[in-house]
Amino acid sequence: MAEKAVRVVIEGRVQGVWFRGWTADEAQRRGLRGWVRNRRDGSVEALFAGAAESVDDMVKACRRGPPAARVDNVAEHPAEDPGNGFQYLPTA
């Protein structure tokens, strides 16, 4: 099965609505590796790595987000595989 890694930046009302926790739960449920963090500009940034189909599905889910979020834009960029596990990173 093909693997891929992408970094996404999610903009909208995505901080203070449990977006990071939702992202970590959803990524782990899909068996993905990577990380998620808030950014000082109010966006959320995440890196997903794993089976290409699962990564694509996660990016699609980020376009909706958790119920309290309002996603205005998701920018997707190629990335390097971060290794094992999924973690929270400090705000950047």
PDB file of N, CA and C in Angstrom:
ATOM      1  N   MET A   1       0.845  -1.182   0.000  1.00  0.00           N
ATOM      2  CA  MET A   1       0.000   0.000   0.000  1.00  0.00           C
ATOM      3  C   MET A   1       0.890   1.245   0.000  1.00  0.00           C
ATOM      4  N   ALA A   2       0.561   2.212  -0.836  1.00  0.00           N
ATOM      5  CA  ALA A   2       1.341   3.437  -0.936  1.00  0.00           C
ATOM      6  C   ALA A   2       1.171   4.291   0.319  1.00  0.00           C
ATOM      7  N   GLU A   3       2.264   4.933   0.715  1.00  0.00           N
ATOM      8  CA  GLU A   3       2.221   5.839   1.867  1.00  0.00           C
ATOM      9  C   GLU A   3       2.527   7.254   1.409  1.00  0.00           C
ATOM     10  N   LYS A   4       2.064   8.215   2.198  1.00  0.00           N
ATOM     11  CA  LYS A   4       2.356   9.613   1.909  1.00  0.00           C
ATOM     12  C   LYS A   4       2.349  10.405   3.204  1.00  0.00           C
ATOM     13  N   ALA A   5       2.878  11.614   3.116  1.00  0.00           N
ATOM     14  CA  ALA A   5       2.875  12.535   4.261  1.00  0.00           C
ATOM     15  C   ALA A   5       2.526  13.925   3.743  1.00  0.00           C
ATOM     16  N   VAL A   6       1.637  14.601   4.464  1.00  0.00           N
ATOM     17  CA  VAL A   6       1.258  15.968   4.111  1.00  0.00           C
ATOM     18  C   VAL A   6       1.184  16.815   5.366  1.00  0.00           C
ATOM     19  N   ARG A   7       1.479  18.100   5.180  1.00  0.00           N
ATOM     20  CA  ARG A   7       1.295  19.093   6.239  1.00  0.00           C
ATOM     21  C   ARG A   7       0.124  19.954   5.815  1.00  0.00           C
ATOM     22  N   VAL A   8      -0.801  20.194   6.738  1.00  0.00           N
ATOM     23  CA  VAL A   8      -1.963  21.017   6.428  1.00  0.00           C
ATOM     24  C   VAL A   8      -2.034  22.193   7.392  1.00  0.00           C
ATOM     25  N   VAL A   9      -2.540  23.312   6.892  1.00  0.00           N
ATOM     26  CA  VAL A   9      -2.816  24.482   7.715  1.00  0.00           C
ATOM     27  C   VAL A   9      -4.314  24.752   7.559  1.00  0.00           C
ATOM     28  N   ILE A  10      -5.022  24.710   8.683  1.00  0.00           N
ATOM     29  CA  ILE A  10      -6.473  24.850   8.691  1.00  0.00           C
ATOM     30  C   ILE A  10      -6.812  26.226   9.240  1.00  0.00           C
ATOM     31  N   GLU A  11      -7.569  27.001   8.474  1.00  0.00           N
ATOM     32  CA  GLU A  11      -7.940  28.354   8.876  1.00  0.00           C
ATOM     33  C   GLU A  11      -9.441  28.454   9.080  1.00  0.00           C
ATOM     34  N   GLY A  12      -9.839  29.368   9.941  1.00  0.00           N
ATOM     35  CA  GLY A  12     -11.235  29.596  10.264  1.00  0.00           C
ATOM     36  C   GLY A  12     -11.378  29.730  11.768  1.00  0.00           C
ATOM     37  N   ARG A  13     -12.522  29.329  12.289  1.00  0.00           N
ATOM     38  CA  ARG A  13     -12.698  29.287  13.753  1.00  0.00           C
ATOM     39  C   ARG A  13     -12.279  27.893  14.188  1.00  0.00           C
ATOM     40  N   VAL A  14     -10.966  27.732  14.410  1.00  0.00           N
ATOM     41  CA  VAL A  14     -10.410  26.408  14.667  1.00  0.00           C
ATOM     42  C   VAL A  14      -9.633  26.319  15.979  1.00  0.00           C
ATOM     43  N   GLN A  15      -9.501  27.429  16.700  1.00  0.00           N
ATOM     44  CA  GLN A  15      -8.897  27.379  18.024  1.00  0.00           C
ATOM     45  C   GLN A  15      -9.995  27.627  19.052  1.00  0.00           C
ATOM     46  N   GLY A  16      -9.903  26.926  20.190  1.00  0.00           N
ATOM     47  CA  GLY A  16     -10.902  27.070  21.238  1.00  0.00           C
ATOM     48  C   GLY A  16     -12.164  26.260  20.974  1.00  0.00           C
ATOM     49  N   VAL A  17     -12.119  25.371  19.983  1.00  0.00           N
ATOM     50  CA  VAL A  17     -13.281  24.543  19.643  1.00  0.00           C
ATOM     51  C   VAL A  17     -12.934  23.054  19.646  1.00  0.00           C
ATOM     52  N   TRP A  18     -11.848  22.699  20.315  1.00  0.00           N
ATOM     53  CA  TRP A  18     -11.387  21.314  20.449  1.00  0.00           C
ATOM     54  C   TRP A  18     -10.881  20.732  19.130  1.00  0.00           C
ATOM     55  N   PHE A  19     -10.378  21.581  18.241  1.00  0.00           N
ATOM     56  CA  PHE A  19      -9.898  21.097  16.945  1.00  0.00           C
ATOM     57  C   PHE A  19      -8.661  20.209  17.102  1.00  0.00           C
ATOM     58  N   ARG A  20      -7.715  20.607  17.956  1.00  0.00           N
ATOM     59  CA  ARG A  20      -6.500  19.781  18.114  1.00  0.00           C
ATOM     60  C   ARG A  20      -6.829  18.411  18.676  1.00  0.00           C
ATOM     61  N   GLY A  21      -7.658  18.361  19.703  1.00  0.00           N
ATOM     62  CA  GLY A  21      -8.024  17.072  20.298  1.00  0.00           C
ATOM     63  C   GLY A  21      -8.760  16.186  19.311  1.00  0.00           C
ATOM     64  N   TRP A  22      -9.684  16.789  18.582  1.00  0.00           N
ATOM     65  CA  TRP A  22     -10.424  16.060  17.554  1.00  0.00           C
ATOM     66  C   TRP A  22      -9.465  15.528  16.488  1.00  0.00           C
ATOM     67  N   THR A  23      -8.516  16.373  16.060  1.00  0.00           N
ATOM     68  CA  THR A  23      -7.547  15.973  15.044  1.00  0.00           C
ATOM     69  C   THR A  23      -6.717  14.788  15.512  1.00  0.00           C
ATOM     70  N   ALA A  24      -6.209  14.853  16.741  1.00  0.00           N
ATOM     71  CA  ALA A  24      -5.407  13.750  17.272  1.00  0.00           C
ATOM     72  C   ALA A  24      -6.237  12.467  17.336  1.00  0.00           C
ATOM     73  N   ASP A  25      -7.457  12.553  17.830  1.00  0.00           N
ATOM     74  CA  ASP A  25      -8.321  11.365  17.915  1.00  0.00           C
ATOM     75  C   ASP A  25      -8.586  10.776  16.532  1.00  0.00           C
ATOM     76  N   GLU A  26      -8.922  11.632  15.581  1.00  0.00           N
ATOM     77  CA  GLU A  26      -9.242  11.167  14.230  1.00  0.00           C
ATOM     78  C   GLU A  26      -8.012  10.570  13.532  1.00  0.00           C
ATOM     79  N   ALA A  27      -6.865  11.193  13.716  1.00  0.00           N
ATOM     80  CA  ALA A  27      -5.637  10.680  13.100  1.00  0.00           C
ATOM     81  C   ALA A  27      -5.265   9.322  13.690  1.00  0.00           C
ATOM     82  N   GLN A  28      -5.353   9.201  15.005  1.00  0.00           N
ATOM     83  CA  GLN A  28      -5.031   7.926  15.645  1.00  0.00           C
ATOM     84  C   GLN A  28      -6.014   6.844  15.233  1.00  0.00           C
ATOM     85  N   ARG A  29      -7.274   7.198  15.087  1.00  0.00           N
ATOM     86  CA  ARG A  29      -8.288   6.232  14.661  1.00  0.00           C
ATOM     87  C   ARG A  29      -7.967   5.698  13.265  1.00  0.00           C
ATOM     88  N   ARG A  30      -7.344   6.502  12.447  1.00  0.00           N
ATOM     89  CA  ARG A  30      -6.962   6.099  11.090  1.00  0.00           C
ATOM     90  C   ARG A  30      -5.570   5.468  11.035  1.00  0.00           C
ATOM     91  N   GLY A  31      -4.902   5.366  12.184  1.00  0.00           N
ATOM     92  CA  GLY A  31      -3.575   4.757  12.236  1.00  0.00           C
ATOM     93  C   GLY A  31      -2.479   5.638  11.669  1.00  0.00           C
ATOM     94  N   LEU A  32      -2.667   6.951  11.722  1.00  0.00           N
ATOM     95  CA  LEU A  32      -1.689   7.876  11.148  1.00  0.00           C
ATOM     96  C   LEU A  32      -0.635   8.299  12.160  1.00  0.00           C
ATOM     97  N   ARG A  33       0.507   8.681  11.634  1.00  0.00           N
ATOM     98  CA  ARG A  33       1.586   9.266  12.420  1.00  0.00           C
ATOM     99  C   ARG A  33       1.586  10.765  12.166  1.00  0.00           C
ATOM    100  N   GLY A  34       2.170  11.528  13.100  1.00  0.00           N
ATOM    101  CA  GLY A  34       2.305  12.950  12.856  1.00  0.00           C
ATOM    102  C   GLY A  34       2.134  13.786  14.094  1.00  0.00           C
ATOM    103  N   TRP A  35       1.630  15.006  13.908  1.00  0.00           N
ATOM    104  CA  TRP A  35       1.482  15.951  15.009  1.00  0.00           C
ATOM    105  C   TRP A  35       0.428  17.000  14.657  1.00  0.00           C
ATOM    106  N   VAL A  36       0.029  17.746  15.684  1.00  0.00           N
ATOM    107  CA  VAL A  36      -0.907  18.863  15.514  1.00  0.00           C
ATOM    108  C   VAL A  36      -0.517  19.959  16.495  1.00  0.00           C
ATOM    109  N   ARG A  37      -0.712  21.219  16.080  1.00  0.00           N
ATOM    110  CA  ARG A  37      -0.428  22.350  16.964  1.00  0.00           C
ATOM    111  C   ARG A  37      -1.235  23.573  16.537  1.00  0.00           C
ATOM    112  N   ASN A  38      -1.457  24.454  17.502  1.00  0.00           N
ATOM    113  CA  ASN A  38      -2.028  25.764  17.211  1.00  0.00           C
ATOM    114  C   ASN A  38      -0.915  26.652  16.670  1.00  0.00           C
ATOM    115  N   ARG A  39      -1.311  27.639  15.879  1.00  0.00           N
ATOM    116  CA  ARG A  39      -0.366  28.641  15.398  1.00  0.00           C
ATOM    117  C   ARG A  39      -0.797  30.003  15.922  1.00  0.00           C
ATOM    118  N   ARG A  40       0.169  30.872  16.110  1.00  0.00           N
ATOM    119  CA  ARG A  40      -0.114  32.190  16.677  1.00  0.00           C
ATOM    120  C   ARG A  40      -1.082  33.014  15.825  1.00  0.00           C
ATOM    121  N   ASP A  41      -1.186  32.690  14.540  1.00  0.00           N
ATOM    122  CA  ASP A  41      -2.096  33.447  13.665  1.00  0.00           C
ATOM    123  C   ASP A  41      -3.551  32.976  13.776  1.00  0.00           C
ATOM    124  N   GLY A  42      -3.826  32.015  14.677  1.00  0.00           N
ATOM    125  CA  GLY A  42      -5.186  31.533  14.885  1.00  0.00           C
ATOM    126  C   GLY A  42      -5.537  30.284  14.104  1.00  0.00           C
ATOM    127  N   SER A  43      -4.628  29.816  13.267  1.00  0.00           N
ATOM    128  CA  SER A  43      -4.873  28.600  12.503  1.00  0.00           C
ATOM    129  C   SER A  43      -4.385  27.381  13.293  1.00  0.00           C
ATOM    130  N   VAL A  44      -4.664  26.213  12.763  1.00  0.00           N
ATOM    131  CA  VAL A  44      -4.157  24.957  13.303  1.00  0.00           C
ATOM    132  C   VAL A  44      -3.332  24.305  12.199  1.00  0.00           C
ATOM    133  N   GLU A  45      -2.179  23.765  12.575  1.00  0.00           N
ATOM    134  CA  GLU A  45      -1.289  23.097  11.629  1.00  0.00           C
ATOM    135  C   GLU A  45      -1.139  21.645  12.052  1.00  0.00           C
ATOM    136  N   ALA A  46      -1.125  20.742  11.079  1.00  0.00           N
ATOM    137  CA  ALA A  46      -0.970  19.322  11.389  1.00  0.00           C
ATOM    138  C   ALA A  46      -0.161  18.648  10.297  1.00  0.00           C
ATOM    139  N   LEU A  47       0.481  17.560  10.669  1.00  0.00           N
ATOM    140  CA  LEU A  47       1.195  16.725   9.711  1.00  0.00           C
ATOM    141  C   LEU A  47       0.645  15.314   9.856  1.00  0.00           C
ATOM    142  N   PHE A  48       0.267  14.726   8.739  1.00  0.00           N
ATOM    143  CA  PHE A  48      -0.276  13.372   8.725  1.00  0.00           C
ATOM    144  C   PHE A  48       0.578  12.500   7.825  1.00  0.00           C
ATOM    145  N   ALA A  49       0.917  11.300   8.294  1.00  0.00           N
ATOM    146  CA  ALA A  49       1.681  10.351   7.496  1.00  0.00           C
ATOM    147  C   ALA A  49       1.103   8.958   7.700  1.00  0.00           C
ATOM    148  N   GLY A  50       1.094   8.194   6.627  1.00  0.00           N
ATOM    149  CA  GLY A  50       0.592   6.830   6.694  1.00  0.00           C
ATOM    150  C   GLY A  50       0.063   6.401   5.345  1.00  0.00           C
ATOM    151  N   ALA A  51      -0.849   5.440   5.354  1.00  0.00           N
ATOM    152  CA  ALA A  51      -1.442   4.953   4.115  1.00  0.00           C
ATOM    153  C   ALA A  51      -2.075   6.122   3.368  1.00  0.00           C
ATOM    154  N   ALA A  52      -1.775   6.231   2.075  1.00  0.00           N
ATOM    155  CA  ALA A  52      -2.238   7.366   1.279  1.00  0.00           C
ATOM    156  C   ALA A  52      -3.751   7.564   1.385  1.00  0.00           C
ATOM    157  N   GLU A  53      -4.516   6.506   1.338  1.00  0.00           N
ATOM    158  CA  GLU A  53      -5.974   6.617   1.420  1.00  0.00           C
ATOM    159  C   GLU A  53      -6.405   7.189   2.774  1.00  0.00           C
ATOM    160  N   SER A  54      -5.740   6.770   3.849  1.00  0.00           N
ATOM    161  CA  SER A  54      -6.068   7.274   5.187  1.00  0.00           C
ATOM    162  C   SER A  54      -5.674   8.735   5.344  1.00  0.00           C
ATOM    163  N   VAL A  55      -4.530   9.116   4.787  1.00  0.00           N
ATOM    164  CA  VAL A  55      -4.098  10.521   4.833  1.00  0.00           C
ATOM    165  C   VAL A  55      -5.106  11.391   4.075  1.00  0.00           C
ATOM    166  N   ASP A  56      -5.485  10.953   2.882  1.00  0.00           N
ATOM    167  CA  ASP A  56      -6.455  11.718   2.090  1.00  0.00           C
ATOM    168  C   ASP A  56      -7.782  11.854   2.826  1.00  0.00           C
ATOM    169  N   ASP A  57      -8.216  10.772   3.484  1.00  0.00           N
ATOM    170  CA  ASP A  57      -9.463  10.802   4.242  1.00  0.00           C
ATOM    171  C   ASP A  57      -9.364  11.775   5.416  1.00  0.00           C
ATOM    172  N   MET A  58      -8.199  11.834   6.072  1.00  0.00           N
ATOM    173  CA  MET A  58      -8.009  12.742   7.200  1.00  0.00           C
ATOM    174  C   MET A  58      -8.040  14.192   6.732  1.00  0.00           C
ATOM    175  N   VAL A  59      -7.403  14.487   5.612  1.00  0.00           N
ATOM    176  CA  VAL A  59      -7.421  15.853   5.082  1.00  0.00           C
ATOM    177  C   VAL A  59      -8.855  16.244   4.741  1.00  0.00           C
ATOM    178  N   LYS A  60      -9.601  15.329   4.164  1.00  0.00           N
ATOM    179  CA  LYS A  60     -11.014  15.590   3.854  1.00  0.00           C
ATOM    180  C   LYS A  60     -11.797  15.878   5.136  1.00  0.00           C
ATOM    181  N   ALA A  61     -11.525  15.113   6.195  1.00  0.00           N
ATOM    182  CA  ALA A  61     -12.204  15.330   7.483  1.00  0.00           C
ATOM    183  C   ALA A  61     -11.848  16.702   8.054  1.00  0.00           C
ATOM    184  N   CYS A  62     -10.614  17.146   7.866  1.00  0.00           N
ATOM    185  CA  CYS A  62     -10.198  18.467   8.364  1.00  0.00           C
ATOM    186  C   CYS A  62     -10.956  19.586   7.680  1.00  0.00           C
ATOM    187  N   ARG A  63     -11.443  19.365   6.498  1.00  0.00           N
ATOM    188  CA  ARG A  63     -12.222  20.384   5.795  1.00  0.00           C
ATOM    189  C   ARG A  63     -13.575  20.608   6.469  1.00  0.00           C
ATOM    190  N   ARG A  64     -14.020  19.637   7.269  1.00  0.00           N
ATOM    191  CA  ARG A  64     -15.256  19.769   8.058  1.00  0.00           C
ATOM    192  C   ARG A  64     -14.927  20.156   9.496  1.00  0.00           C
ATOM    193  N   GLY A  65     -13.991  19.422  10.117  1.00  0.00           N
ATOM    194  CA  GLY A  65     -13.611  19.662  11.503  1.00  0.00           C
ATOM    195  C   GLY A  65     -14.659  19.180  12.485  1.00  0.00           C
ATOM    196  N   PRO A  66     -14.416  19.426  13.780  1.00  0.00           N
ATOM    197  CA  PRO A  66     -15.384  19.040  14.811  1.00  0.00           C
ATOM    198  C   PRO A  66     -16.614  19.957  14.739  1.00  0.00           C
ATOM    199  N   PRO A  67     -17.705  19.587  15.414  1.00  0.00           N
ATOM    200  CA  PRO A  67     -18.968  20.336  15.291  1.00  0.00           C
ATOM    201  C   PRO A  67     -18.882  21.837  15.577  1.00  0.00           C
ATOM    202  N   ALA A  68     -18.083  22.273  16.537  1.00  0.00           N
ATOM    203  CA  ALA A  68     -18.042  23.696  16.907  1.00  0.00           C
ATOM    204  C   ALA A  68     -17.140  24.530  15.997  1.00  0.00           C
ATOM    205  N   ALA A  69     -16.386  23.885  15.110  1.00  0.00           N
ATOM    206  CA  ALA A  69     -15.444  24.601  14.247  1.00  0.00           C
ATOM    207  C   ALA A  69     -16.135  25.156  13.008  1.00  0.00           C
ATOM    208  N   ARG A  70     -15.491  26.166  12.438  1.00  0.00           N
ATOM    209  CA  ARG A  70     -15.878  26.672  11.123  1.00  0.00           C
ATOM    210  C   ARG A  70     -14.596  26.726  10.295  1.00  0.00           C
ATOM    211  N   VAL A  71     -14.465  25.838   9.347  1.00  0.00           N
ATOM    212  CA  VAL A  71     -13.264  25.761   8.527  1.00  0.00           C
ATOM    213  C   VAL A  71     -13.472  26.595   7.269  1.00  0.00           C
ATOM    214  N   ASP A  72     -12.584  27.580   7.079  1.00  0.00           N
ATOM    215  CA  ASP A  72     -12.651  28.440   5.903  1.00  0.00           C
ATOM    216  C   ASP A  72     -11.710  27.975   4.799  1.00  0.00           C
ATOM    217  N   ASN A  73     -10.575  27.382   5.185  1.00  0.00           N
ATOM    218  CA  ASN A  73      -9.581  26.983   4.188  1.00  0.00           C
ATOM    219  C   ASN A  73      -8.674  25.910   4.773  1.00  0.00           C
ATOM    220  N   VAL A  74      -8.263  24.970   3.922  1.00  0.00           N
ATOM    221  CA  VAL A  74      -7.258  23.972   4.286  1.00  0.00           C
ATOM    222  C   VAL A  74      -6.210  23.977   3.185  1.00  0.00           C
ATOM    223  N   ALA A  75      -4.990  24.389   3.539  1.00  0.00           N
ATOM    224  CA  ALA A  75      -3.868  24.381   2.600  1.00  0.00           C
ATOM    225  C   ALA A  75      -3.062  23.115   2.849  1.00  0.00           C
ATOM    226  N   GLU A  76      -2.743  22.404   1.788  1.00  0.00           N
ATOM    227  CA  GLU A  76      -2.054  21.107   1.884  1.00  0.00           C
ATOM    228  C   GLU A  76      -0.695  21.205   1.206  1.00  0.00           C
ATOM    229  N   HIS A  77       0.345  20.683   1.890  1.00  0.00           N
ATOM    230  CA  HIS A  77       1.713  20.738   1.385  1.00  0.00           C
ATOM    231  C   HIS A  77       2.383  19.376   1.573  1.00  0.00           C
ATOM    232  N   PRO A  78       3.236  18.929   0.638  1.00  0.00           N
ATOM    233  CA  PRO A  78       3.993  17.690   0.833  1.00  0.00           C
ATOM    234  C   PRO A  78       4.876  17.813   2.076  1.00  0.00           C
ATOM    235  N   ALA A  79       5.123  16.674   2.731  1.00  0.00           N
ATOM    236  CA  ALA A  79       5.922  16.701   3.966  1.00  0.00           C
ATOM    237  C   ALA A  79       6.752  15.433   4.073  1.00  0.00           C
ATOM    238  N   GLU A  80       7.653  15.437   5.042  1.00  0.00           N
ATOM    239  CA  GLU A  80       8.461  14.264   5.382  1.00  0.00           C
ATOM    240  C   GLU A  80       7.752  13.478   6.471  1.00  0.00           C
ATOM    241  N   ASP A  81       7.847  12.167   6.442  1.00  0.00           N
ATOM    242  CA  ASP A  81       7.252  11.310   7.475  1.00  0.00           C
ATOM    243  C   ASP A  81       7.939  11.598   8.810  1.00  0.00           C
ATOM    244  N   PRO A  82       7.170  11.921   9.860  1.00  0.00           N
ATOM    245  CA  PRO A  82       7.771  12.285  11.148  1.00  0.00           C
ATOM    246  C   PRO A  82       8.185  11.097  12.020  1.00  0.00           C
ATOM    247  N   GLY A  83       7.878   9.884  11.597  1.00  0.00           N
ATOM    248  CA  GLY A  83       8.214   8.717  12.428  1.00  0.00           C
ATOM    249  C   GLY A  83       7.003   8.183  13.148  1.00  0.00           C
ATOM    250  N   ASN A  84       7.204   7.645  14.345  1.00  0.00           N
ATOM    251  CA  ASN A  84       6.143   6.946  15.075  1.00  0.00           C
ATOM    252  C   ASN A  84       5.229   7.871  15.860  1.00  0.00           C
ATOM    253  N   GLY A  85       3.985   7.421  16.055  1.00  0.00           N
ATOM    254  CA  GLY A  85       3.061   8.063  16.951  1.00  0.00           C
ATOM    255  C   GLY A  85       2.446   9.349  16.428  1.00  0.00           C
ATOM    256  N   PHE A  86       1.519   9.873  17.232  1.00  0.00           N
ATOM    257  CA  PHE A  86       0.878  11.146  16.922  1.00  0.00           C
ATOM    258  C   PHE A  86       0.928  11.980  18.187  1.00  0.00           C
ATOM    259  N   GLN A  87       1.381  13.226  18.055  1.00  0.00           N
ATOM    260  CA  GLN A  87       1.592  14.046  19.245  1.00  0.00           C
ATOM    261  C   GLN A  87       1.123  15.479  19.070  1.00  0.00           C
ATOM    262  N   TYR A  88       0.984  16.164  20.195  1.00  0.00           N
ATOM    263  CA  TYR A  88       0.714  17.591  20.215  1.00  0.00           C
ATOM    264  C   TYR A  88       2.054  18.313  20.260  1.00  0.00           C
ATOM    265  N   LEU A  89       2.205  19.355  19.473  1.00  0.00           N
ATOM    266  CA  LEU A  89       3.392  20.205  19.533  1.00  0.00           C
ATOM    267  C   LEU A  89       3.003  21.551  20.114  1.00  0.00           C
ATOM    268  N   PRO A  90       3.976  22.278  20.669  1.00  0.00           N
ATOM    269  CA  PRO A  90       3.682  23.602  21.209  1.00  0.00           C
ATOM    270  C   PRO A  90       3.261  24.563  20.092  1.00  0.00           C
ATOM    271  N   THR A  91       2.559  25.603  20.479  1.00  0.00           N
ATOM    272  CA  THR A  91       2.138  26.644  19.540  1.00  0.00           C
ATOM    273  C   THR A  91       3.359  27.220  18.825  1.00  0.00           C
ATOM    274  N   ALA A  92       3.190  27.445  17.530  1.00  0.00           N
ATOM    275  CA  ALA A  92       4.315  27.993  16.742  1.00  0.00           C
ATOM    276  C   ALA A  92       3.949  29.366  16.220  1.00  0.00           C
TER     277      ALA A  92
END
